[in-house]
Amino acid sequence: TAGLGDSLLYVTLVAQVDMQGKPQFALTSVTDAAHLDRTPRMRFIDAVDAEASNRASLLFELRGQHQRQFTLYRVIGARATQLLVTAATE
């Protein structure tokens, strides 16, 4: 979000629009700089076909204060299923 220091928030939203045009949220993440070690910031990397199923999964980087991980989610409808989380690196 726009802001500096304590007012800066890191927001990640994954949604699919329903038949009425309303977003159905499958995945949400909100954190700030003071809580990155507890709730890392999620940064979208790419959509990948990790299971060779012709369906895209979403790859995210999880960036904490002093560590980094990657996670993979399958999103079907308004439901996100975490498929993989890598070990943390410093």
PDB file of N, CA and C in Angstrom:
ATOM      1  N   THR A   1       0.842  -1.181   0.000  1.00  0.00           N
ATOM      2  CA  THR A   1       0.000   0.000   0.000  1.00  0.00           C
ATOM      3  C   THR A   1       0.880   1.235   0.000  1.00  0.00           C
ATOM      4  N   ALA A   2       0.314   2.319  -0.336  1.00  0.00           N
ATOM      5  CA  ALA A   2       1.054   3.575  -0.282  1.00  0.00           C
ATOM      6  C   ALA A   2       1.257   3.950   1.180  1.00  0.00           C
ATOM      7  N   GLY A   3       2.447   4.278   1.525  1.00  0.00           N
ATOM      8  CA  GLY A   3       2.754   4.647   2.897  1.00  0.00           C
ATOM      9  C   GLY A   3       4.218   4.415   3.177  1.00  0.00           C
ATOM     10  N   LEU A   4       4.671   4.913   4.290  1.00  0.00           N
ATOM     11  CA  LEU A   4       6.060   4.755   4.697  1.00  0.00           C
ATOM     12  C   LEU A   4       6.108   4.306   6.145  1.00  0.00           C
ATOM     13  N   GLY A   5       7.164   3.600   6.500  1.00  0.00           N
ATOM     14  CA  GLY A   5       7.366   3.207   7.889  1.00  0.00           C
ATOM     15  C   GLY A   5       6.236   2.368   8.441  1.00  0.00           C
ATOM     16  N   ASP A   6       5.695   2.793   9.590  1.00  0.00           N
ATOM     17  CA  ASP A   6       4.657   2.030  10.268  1.00  0.00           C
ATOM     18  C   ASP A   6       3.343   1.963   9.507  1.00  0.00           C
ATOM     19  N   SER A   7       3.099   2.893   8.595  1.00  0.00           N
ATOM     20  CA  SER A   7       1.828   2.894   7.868  1.00  0.00           C
ATOM     21  C   SER A   7       1.868   2.046   6.597  1.00  0.00           C
ATOM     22  N   LEU A   8       3.034   1.487   6.251  1.00  0.00           N
ATOM     23  CA  LEU A   8       3.160   0.648   5.056  1.00  0.00           C
ATOM     24  C   LEU A   8       2.619  -0.749   5.336  1.00  0.00           C
ATOM     25  N   LEU A   9       1.678  -1.200   4.529  1.00  0.00           N
ATOM     26  CA  LEU A   9       1.120  -2.549   4.633  1.00  0.00           C
ATOM     27  C   LEU A   9       1.425  -3.320   3.362  1.00  0.00           C
ATOM     28  N   TYR A  10       1.683  -4.616   3.517  1.00  0.00           N
ATOM     29  CA  TYR A  10       1.866  -5.515   2.386  1.00  0.00           C
ATOM     30  C   TYR A  10       0.597  -6.347   2.274  1.00  0.00           C
ATOM     31  N   VAL A  11      -0.122  -6.205   1.179  1.00  0.00           N
ATOM     32  CA  VAL A  11      -1.419  -6.849   0.994  1.00  0.00           C
ATOM     33  C   VAL A  11      -1.370  -7.729  -0.243  1.00  0.00           C
ATOM     34  N   THR A  12      -1.793  -8.987  -0.095  1.00  0.00           N
ATOM     35  CA  THR A  12      -1.922  -9.910  -1.222  1.00  0.00           C
ATOM     36  C   THR A  12      -3.329 -10.465  -1.205  1.00  0.00           C
ATOM     37  N   LEU A  13      -4.018 -10.356  -2.332  1.00  0.00           N
ATOM     38  CA  LEU A  13      -5.379 -10.870  -2.482  1.00  0.00           C
ATOM     39  C   LEU A  13      -5.448 -11.718  -3.744  1.00  0.00           C
ATOM     40  N   VAL A  14      -6.037 -12.905  -3.621  1.00  0.00           N
ATOM     41  CA  VAL A  14      -6.312 -13.753  -4.776  1.00  0.00           C
ATOM     42  C   VAL A  14      -7.812 -14.010  -4.767  1.00  0.00           C
ATOM     43  N   ALA A  15      -8.477 -13.621  -5.853  1.00  0.00           N
ATOM     44  CA  ALA A  15      -9.931 -13.740  -5.909  1.00  0.00           C
ATOM     45  C   ALA A  15     -10.371 -14.153  -7.302  1.00  0.00           C
ATOM     46  N   GLN A  16     -11.562 -14.700  -7.354  1.00  0.00           N
ATOM     47  CA  GLN A  16     -12.204 -15.024  -8.622  1.00  0.00           C
ATOM     48  C   GLN A  16     -13.582 -14.381  -8.592  1.00  0.00           C
ATOM     49  N   VAL A  17     -13.964 -13.766  -9.693  1.00  0.00           N
ATOM     50  CA  VAL A  17     -15.252 -13.082  -9.766  1.00  0.00           C
ATOM     51  C   VAL A  17     -16.357 -14.107  -9.994  1.00  0.00           C
ATOM     52  N   ASP A  18     -17.439 -14.005  -9.197  1.00  0.00           N
ATOM     53  CA  ASP A  18     -18.559 -14.942  -9.355  1.00  0.00           C
ATOM     54  C   ASP A  18     -19.516 -14.465 -10.444  1.00  0.00           C
ATOM     55  N   MET A  19     -20.620 -15.166 -10.613  1.00  0.00           N
ATOM     56  CA  MET A  19     -21.589 -14.865 -11.669  1.00  0.00           C
ATOM     57  C   MET A  19     -22.222 -13.479 -11.509  1.00  0.00           C
ATOM     58  N   GLN A  20     -22.291 -12.957 -10.298  1.00  0.00           N
ATOM     59  CA  GLN A  20     -22.855 -11.635 -10.049  1.00  0.00           C
ATOM     60  C   GLN A  20     -21.801 -10.527 -10.143  1.00  0.00           C
ATOM     61  N   GLY A  21     -20.568 -10.892 -10.456  1.00  0.00           N
ATOM     62  CA  GLY A  21     -19.504  -9.906 -10.575  1.00  0.00           C
ATOM     63  C   GLY A  21     -18.835  -9.551  -9.267  1.00  0.00           C
ATOM     64  N   LYS A  22     -19.120 -10.307  -8.208  1.00  0.00           N
ATOM     65  CA  LYS A  22     -18.517 -10.040  -6.897  1.00  0.00           C
ATOM     66  C   LYS A  22     -17.289 -10.932  -6.717  1.00  0.00           C
ATOM     67  N   PRO A  23     -16.211 -10.383  -6.155  1.00  0.00           N
ATOM     68  CA  PRO A  23     -15.018 -11.203  -5.942  1.00  0.00           C
ATOM     69  C   PRO A  23     -15.228 -12.218  -4.821  1.00  0.00           C
ATOM     70  N   GLN A  24     -14.797 -13.438  -5.064  1.00  0.00           N
ATOM     71  CA  GLN A  24     -14.780 -14.500  -4.062  1.00  0.00           C
ATOM     72  C   GLN A  24     -13.312 -14.734  -3.714  1.00  0.00           C
ATOM     73  N   PHE A  25     -12.918 -14.353  -2.512  1.00  0.00           N
ATOM     74  CA  PHE A  25     -11.513 -14.403  -2.125  1.00  0.00           C
ATOM     75  C   PHE A  25     -11.098 -15.825  -1.760  1.00  0.00           C
ATOM     76  N   ALA A  26     -10.041 -16.285  -2.411  1.00  0.00           N
ATOM     77  CA  ALA A  26      -9.485 -17.604  -2.137  1.00  0.00           C
ATOM     78  C   ALA A  26      -8.304 -17.515  -1.175  1.00  0.00           C
ATOM     79  N   LEU A  27      -7.612 -16.383  -1.201  1.00  0.00           N
ATOM     80  CA  LEU A  27      -6.399 -16.240  -0.408  1.00  0.00           C
ATOM     81  C   LEU A  27      -6.189 -14.765  -0.093  1.00  0.00           C
ATOM     82  N   THR A  28      -5.927 -14.461   1.168  1.00  0.00           N
ATOM     83  CA  THR A  28      -5.614 -13.091   1.574  1.00  0.00           C
ATOM     84  C   THR A  28      -4.433 -13.110   2.542  1.00  0.00           C
ATOM     85  N   SER A  29      -3.612 -12.091   2.452  1.00  0.00           N
ATOM     86  CA  SER A  29      -2.486 -11.942   3.363  1.00  0.00           C
ATOM     87  C   SER A  29      -2.227 -10.461   3.564  1.00  0.00           C
ATOM     88  N   VAL A  30      -2.148 -10.042   4.825  1.00  0.00           N
ATOM     89  CA  VAL A  30      -1.844  -8.648   5.168  1.00  0.00           C
ATOM     90  C   VAL A  30      -0.803  -8.662   6.280  1.00  0.00           C
ATOM     91  N   THR A  31       0.243  -7.885   6.097  1.00  0.00           N
ATOM     92  CA  THR A  31       1.268  -7.755   7.134  1.00  0.00           C
ATOM     93  C   THR A  31       1.897  -6.372   7.036  1.00  0.00           C
ATOM     94  N   ASP A  32       2.701  -6.031   8.024  1.00  0.00           N
ATOM     95  CA  ASP A  32       3.446  -4.771   7.991  1.00  0.00           C
ATOM     96  C   ASP A  32       4.895  -5.064   8.349  1.00  0.00           C
ATOM     97  N   ALA A  33       5.736  -4.059   8.248  1.00  0.00           N
ATOM     98  CA  ALA A  33       7.170  -4.241   8.458  1.00  0.00           C
ATOM     99  C   ALA A  33       7.503  -4.741   9.860  1.00  0.00           C
ATOM    100  N   ALA A  34       6.708  -4.406  10.854  1.00  0.00           N
ATOM    101  CA  ALA A  34       6.976  -4.823  12.230  1.00  0.00           C
ATOM    102  C   ALA A  34       6.663  -6.294  12.470  1.00  0.00           C
ATOM    103  N   HIS A  35       5.891  -6.929  11.581  1.00  0.00           N
ATOM    104  CA  HIS A  35       5.461  -8.312  11.799  1.00  0.00           C
ATOM    105  C   HIS A  35       5.912  -9.277  10.702  1.00  0.00           C
ATOM    106  N   LEU A  36       6.920  -8.910   9.939  1.00  0.00           N
ATOM    107  CA  LEU A  36       7.359  -9.756   8.829  1.00  0.00           C
ATOM    108  C   LEU A  36       7.914 -11.108   9.269  1.00  0.00           C
ATOM    109  N   ASP A  37       8.482 -11.206  10.448  1.00  0.00           N
ATOM    110  CA  ASP A  37       9.004 -12.501  10.896  1.00  0.00           C
ATOM    111  C   ASP A  37       7.880 -13.454  11.285  1.00  0.00           C
ATOM    112  N   ARG A  38       6.755 -12.927  11.722  1.00  0.00           N
ATOM    113  CA  ARG A  38       5.601 -13.755  12.067  1.00  0.00           C
ATOM    114  C   ARG A  38       4.719 -14.045  10.861  1.00  0.00           C
ATOM    115  N   THR A  39       4.462 -13.013  10.067  1.00  0.00           N
ATOM    116  CA  THR A  39       3.623 -13.117   8.869  1.00  0.00           C
ATOM    117  C   THR A  39       4.405 -12.518   7.715  1.00  0.00           C
ATOM    118  N   PRO A  40       5.111 -13.348   6.946  1.00  0.00           N
ATOM    119  CA  PRO A  40       5.926 -12.797   5.866  1.00  0.00           C
ATOM    120  C   PRO A  40       5.075 -12.192   4.753  1.00  0.00           C
ATOM    121  N   ARG A  41       5.666 -11.301   4.025  1.00  0.00           N
ATOM    122  CA  ARG A  41       4.999 -10.674   2.892  1.00  0.00           C
ATOM    123  C   ARG A  41       4.933 -11.687   1.749  1.00  0.00           C
ATOM    124  N   MET A  42       3.796 -11.771   1.079  1.00  0.00           N
ATOM    125  CA  MET A  42       3.615 -12.674  -0.065  1.00  0.00           C
ATOM    126  C   MET A  42       3.760 -11.864  -1.349  1.00  0.00           C
ATOM    127  N   ARG A  43       4.696 -12.286  -2.196  1.00  0.00           N
ATOM    128  CA  ARG A  43       4.899 -11.608  -3.478  1.00  0.00           C
ATOM    129  C   ARG A  43       4.658 -12.618  -4.588  1.00  0.00           C
ATOM    130  N   PHE A  44       3.704 -12.322  -5.468  1.00  0.00           N
ATOM    131  CA  PHE A  44       3.374 -13.217  -6.572  1.00  0.00           C
ATOM    132  C   PHE A  44       4.560 -13.307  -7.527  1.00  0.00           C
ATOM    133  N   ILE A  45       4.938 -14.549  -7.883  1.00  0.00           N
ATOM    134  CA  ILE A  45       6.038 -14.777  -8.822  1.00  0.00           C
ATOM    135  C   ILE A  45       5.486 -15.101 -10.214  1.00  0.00           C
ATOM    136  N   ASP A  46       4.668 -16.177 -10.305  1.00  0.00           N
ATOM    137  CA  ASP A  46       4.165 -16.588 -11.616  1.00  0.00           C
ATOM    138  C   ASP A  46       3.098 -17.659 -11.448  1.00  0.00           C
ATOM    139  N   ALA A  47       2.379 -17.908 -12.522  1.00  0.00           N
ATOM    140  CA  ALA A  47       1.450 -19.035 -12.583  1.00  0.00           C
ATOM    141  C   ALA A  47       2.185 -20.162 -13.292  1.00  0.00           C
ATOM    142  N   VAL A  48       2.176 -21.350 -12.696  1.00  0.00           N
ATOM    143  CA  VAL A  48       2.909 -22.494 -13.246  1.00  0.00           C
ATOM    144  C   VAL A  48       2.020 -23.728 -13.259  1.00  0.00           C
ATOM    145  N   ASP A  49       2.285 -24.646 -14.179  1.00  0.00           N
ATOM    146  CA  ASP A  49       1.571 -25.920 -14.235  1.00  0.00           C
ATOM    147  C   ASP A  49       2.447 -26.977 -13.571  1.00  0.00           C
ATOM    148  N   ALA A  50       2.550 -26.907 -12.265  1.00  0.00           N
ATOM    149  CA  ALA A  50       3.468 -27.755 -11.500  1.00  0.00           C
ATOM    150  C   ALA A  50       3.061 -29.221 -11.494  1.00  0.00           C
ATOM    151  N   GLU A  51       1.785 -29.513 -11.674  1.00  0.00           N
ATOM    152  CA  GLU A  51       1.293 -30.894 -11.619  1.00  0.00           C
ATOM    153  C   GLU A  51       1.033 -31.480 -13.010  1.00  0.00           C
ATOM    154  N   ALA A  52       1.390 -30.750 -14.055  1.00  0.00           N
ATOM    155  CA  ALA A  52       1.155 -31.169 -15.444  1.00  0.00           C
ATOM    156  C   ALA A  52      -0.307 -31.557 -15.665  1.00  0.00           C
ATOM    157  N   SER A  53      -1.210 -30.733 -15.128  1.00  0.00           N
ATOM    158  CA  SER A  53      -2.642 -31.015 -15.210  1.00  0.00           C
ATOM    159  C   SER A  53      -3.375 -30.016 -16.108  1.00  0.00           C
ATOM    160  N   ASN A  54      -2.626 -29.155 -16.794  1.00  0.00           N
ATOM    161  CA  ASN A  54      -3.186 -28.077 -17.602  1.00  0.00           C
ATOM    162  C   ASN A  54      -3.989 -27.082 -16.766  1.00  0.00           C
ATOM    163  N   ARG A  55      -3.693 -27.022 -15.465  1.00  0.00           N
ATOM    164  CA  ARG A  55      -4.279 -26.031 -14.551  1.00  0.00           C
ATOM    165  C   ARG A  55      -3.121 -25.296 -13.895  1.00  0.00           C
ATOM    166  N   ALA A  56      -3.240 -24.006 -13.850  1.00  0.00           N
ATOM    167  CA  ALA A  56      -2.163 -23.204 -13.270  1.00  0.00           C
ATOM    168  C   ALA A  56      -2.227 -23.221 -11.747  1.00  0.00           C
ATOM    169  N   SER A  57      -1.080 -23.281 -11.136  1.00  0.00           N
ATOM    170  CA  SER A  57      -0.929 -23.059  -9.702  1.00  0.00           C
ATOM    171  C   SER A  57      -0.179 -21.744  -9.542  1.00  0.00           C
ATOM    172  N   LEU A  58      -0.320 -21.109  -8.389  1.00  0.00           N
ATOM    173  CA  LEU A  58       0.275 -19.800  -8.163  1.00  0.00           C
ATOM    174  C   LEU A  58       1.499 -19.925  -7.265  1.00  0.00           C
ATOM    175  N   LEU A  59       2.628 -19.409  -7.736  1.00  0.00           N
ATOM    176  CA  LEU A  59       3.883 -19.449  -7.014  1.00  0.00           C
ATOM    177  C   LEU A  59       4.120 -18.092  -6.352  1.00  0.00           C
ATOM    178  N   PHE A  60       4.383 -18.104  -5.042  1.00  0.00           N
ATOM    179  CA  PHE A  60       4.627 -16.886  -4.273  1.00  0.00           C
ATOM    180  C   PHE A  60       5.971 -16.977  -3.563  1.00  0.00           C
ATOM    181  N   GLU A  61       6.610 -15.825  -3.394  1.00  0.00           N
ATOM    182  CA  GLU A  61       7.759 -15.702  -2.513  1.00  0.00           C
ATOM    183  C   GLU A  61       7.237 -15.206  -1.170  1.00  0.00           C
ATOM    184  N   LEU A  62       7.672 -15.832  -0.093  1.00  0.00           N
ATOM    185  CA  LEU A  62       7.362 -15.383   1.267  1.00  0.00           C
ATOM    186  C   LEU A  62       8.622 -14.715   1.801  1.00  0.00           C
ATOM    187  N   ARG A  63       8.562 -13.409   1.995  1.00  0.00           N
ATOM    188  CA  ARG A  63       9.741 -12.667   2.409  1.00  0.00           C
ATOM    189  C   ARG A  63       9.533 -12.127   3.806  1.00  0.00           C
ATOM    190  N   GLY A  64      10.330 -12.636   4.751  1.00  0.00           N
ATOM    191  CA  GLY A  64      10.294 -12.154   6.121  1.00  0.00           C
ATOM    192  C   GLY A  64      11.362 -11.109   6.343  1.00  0.00           C
ATOM    193  N   GLN A  65      11.568 -10.759   7.590  1.00  0.00           N
ATOM    194  CA  GLN A  65      12.578  -9.754   7.931  1.00  0.00           C
ATOM    195  C   GLN A  65      13.979 -10.227   7.541  1.00  0.00           C
ATOM    196  N   HIS A  66      14.291 -11.513   7.829  1.00  0.00           N
ATOM    197  CA  HIS A  66      15.636 -12.027   7.583  1.00  0.00           C
ATOM    198  C   HIS A  66      15.629 -13.373   6.873  1.00  0.00           C
ATOM    199  N   GLN A  67      14.507 -13.783   6.318  1.00  0.00           N
ATOM    200  CA  GLN A  67      14.457 -15.081   5.646  1.00  0.00           C
ATOM    201  C   GLN A  67      13.559 -15.019   4.420  1.00  0.00           C
ATOM    202  N   ARG A  68      13.654 -16.076   3.624  1.00  0.00           N
ATOM    203  CA  ARG A  68      12.926 -16.146   2.365  1.00  0.00           C
ATOM    204  C   ARG A  68      12.493 -17.585   2.133  1.00  0.00           C
ATOM    205  N   GLN A  69      11.253 -17.761   1.667  1.00  0.00           N
ATOM    206  CA  GLN A  69      10.717 -19.067   1.320  1.00  0.00           C
ATOM    207  C   GLN A  69       9.889 -18.926   0.046  1.00  0.00           C
ATOM    208  N   PHE A  70       9.498 -20.063  -0.511  1.00  0.00           N
ATOM    209  CA  PHE A  70       8.588 -20.066  -1.645  1.00  0.00           C
ATOM    210  C   PHE A  70       7.428 -20.995  -1.319  1.00  0.00           C
ATOM    211  N   THR A  71       6.252 -20.662  -1.829  1.00  0.00           N
ATOM    212  CA  THR A  71       5.075 -21.494  -1.609  1.00  0.00           C
ATOM    213  C   THR A  71       4.266 -21.580  -2.898  1.00  0.00           C
ATOM    214  N   LEU A  72       3.574 -22.695  -3.053  1.00  0.00           N
ATOM    215  CA  LEU A  72       2.787 -22.954  -4.250  1.00  0.00           C
ATOM    216  C   LEU A  72       1.356 -23.257  -3.837  1.00  0.00           C
ATOM    217  N   TYR A  73       0.400 -22.579  -4.458  1.00  0.00           N
ATOM    218  CA  TYR A  73      -1.022 -22.773  -4.166  1.00  0.00           C
ATOM    219  C   TYR A  73      -1.766 -23.203  -5.414  1.00  0.00           C
ATOM    220  N   ARG A  74      -2.662 -24.163  -5.264  1.00  0.00           N
ATOM    221  CA  ARG A  74      -3.628 -24.507  -6.300  1.00  0.00           C
ATOM    222  C   ARG A  74      -4.906 -23.766  -5.939  1.00  0.00           C
ATOM    223  N   VAL A  75      -5.482 -23.042  -6.894  1.00  0.00           N
ATOM    224  CA  VAL A  75      -6.716 -22.298  -6.659  1.00  0.00           C
ATOM    225  C   VAL A  75      -7.777 -22.831  -7.600  1.00  0.00           C
ATOM    226  N   ILE A  76      -8.839 -23.378  -7.015  1.00  0.00           N
ATOM    227  CA  ILE A  76      -9.982 -23.855  -7.781  1.00  0.00           C
ATOM    228  C   ILE A  76     -11.214 -23.193  -7.180  1.00  0.00           C
ATOM    229  N   GLY A  77     -11.925 -22.444  -8.016  1.00  0.00           N
ATOM    230  CA  GLY A  77     -13.052 -21.678  -7.499  1.00  0.00           C
ATOM    231  C   GLY A  77     -12.533 -20.647  -6.518  1.00  0.00           C
ATOM    232  N   ALA A  78     -13.150 -20.567  -5.382  1.00  0.00           N
ATOM    233  CA  ALA A  78     -12.714 -19.629  -4.343  1.00  0.00           C
ATOM    234  C   ALA A  78     -12.001 -20.371  -3.224  1.00  0.00           C
ATOM    235  N   ARG A  79     -11.291 -21.429  -3.572  1.00  0.00           N
ATOM    236  CA  ARG A  79     -10.592 -22.234  -2.572  1.00  0.00           C
ATOM    237  C   ARG A  79      -9.118 -22.390  -2.959  1.00  0.00           C
ATOM    238  N   ALA A  80      -8.235 -21.998  -2.060  1.00  0.00           N
ATOM    239  CA  ALA A  80      -6.793 -22.128  -2.279  1.00  0.00           C
ATOM    240  C   ALA A  80      -6.263 -23.263  -1.411  1.00  0.00           C
ATOM    241  N   THR A  81      -5.492 -24.156  -2.030  1.00  0.00           N
ATOM    242  CA  THR A  81      -4.871 -25.270  -1.317  1.00  0.00           C
ATOM    243  C   THR A  81      -3.362 -25.131  -1.446  1.00  0.00           C
ATOM    244  N   GLN A  82      -2.681 -25.087  -0.312  1.00  0.00           N
ATOM    245  CA  GLN A  82      -1.225 -24.964  -0.335  1.00  0.00           C
ATOM    246  C   GLN A  82      -0.634 -26.326  -0.693  1.00  0.00           C
ATOM    247  N   LEU A  83       0.166 -26.362  -1.762  1.00  0.00           N
ATOM    248  CA  LEU A  83       0.768 -27.606  -2.227  1.00  0.00           C
ATOM    249  C   LEU A  83       2.190 -27.806  -1.728  1.00  0.00           C
ATOM    250  N   LEU A  84       2.912 -26.710  -1.516  1.00  0.00           N
ATOM    251  CA  LEU A  84       4.332 -26.794  -1.200  1.00  0.00           C
ATOM    252  C   LEU A  84       4.791 -25.545  -0.470  1.00  0.00           C
ATOM    253  N   VAL A  85       5.671 -25.731   0.516  1.00  0.00           N
ATOM    254  CA  VAL A  85       6.382 -24.612   1.151  1.00  0.00           C
ATOM    255  C   VAL A  85       7.828 -25.056   1.278  1.00  0.00           C
ATOM    256  N   THR A  86       8.751 -24.240   0.778  1.00  0.00           N
ATOM    257  CA  THR A  86      10.152 -24.589   0.871  1.00  0.00           C
ATOM    258  C   THR A  86      10.701 -24.247   2.259  1.00  0.00           C
ATOM    259  N   ALA A  87      11.859 -24.773   2.561  1.00  0.00           N
ATOM    260  CA  ALA A  87      12.547 -24.429   3.804  1.00  0.00           C
ATOM    261  C   ALA A  87      12.997 -22.971   3.735  1.00  0.00           C
ATOM    262  N   ALA A  88      13.131 -22.358   4.864  1.00  0.00           N
ATOM    263  CA  ALA A  88      13.550 -20.957   4.925  1.00  0.00           C
ATOM    264  C   ALA A  88      15.051 -20.830   4.678  1.00  0.00           C
ATOM    265  N   THR A  89      15.427 -19.806   3.933  1.00  0.00           N
ATOM    266  CA  THR A  89      16.830 -19.473   3.726  1.00  0.00           C
ATOM    267  C   THR A  89      17.075 -18.072   4.264  1.00  0.00           C
ATOM    268  N   GLU A  90      18.269 -17.823   4.729  1.00  0.00           N
ATOM    269  CA  GLU A  90      18.593 -16.501   5.285  1.00  0.00           C
ATOM    270  C   GLU A  90      19.277 -15.657   4.250  1.00  0.00           C
TER     271      GLU A  90
END
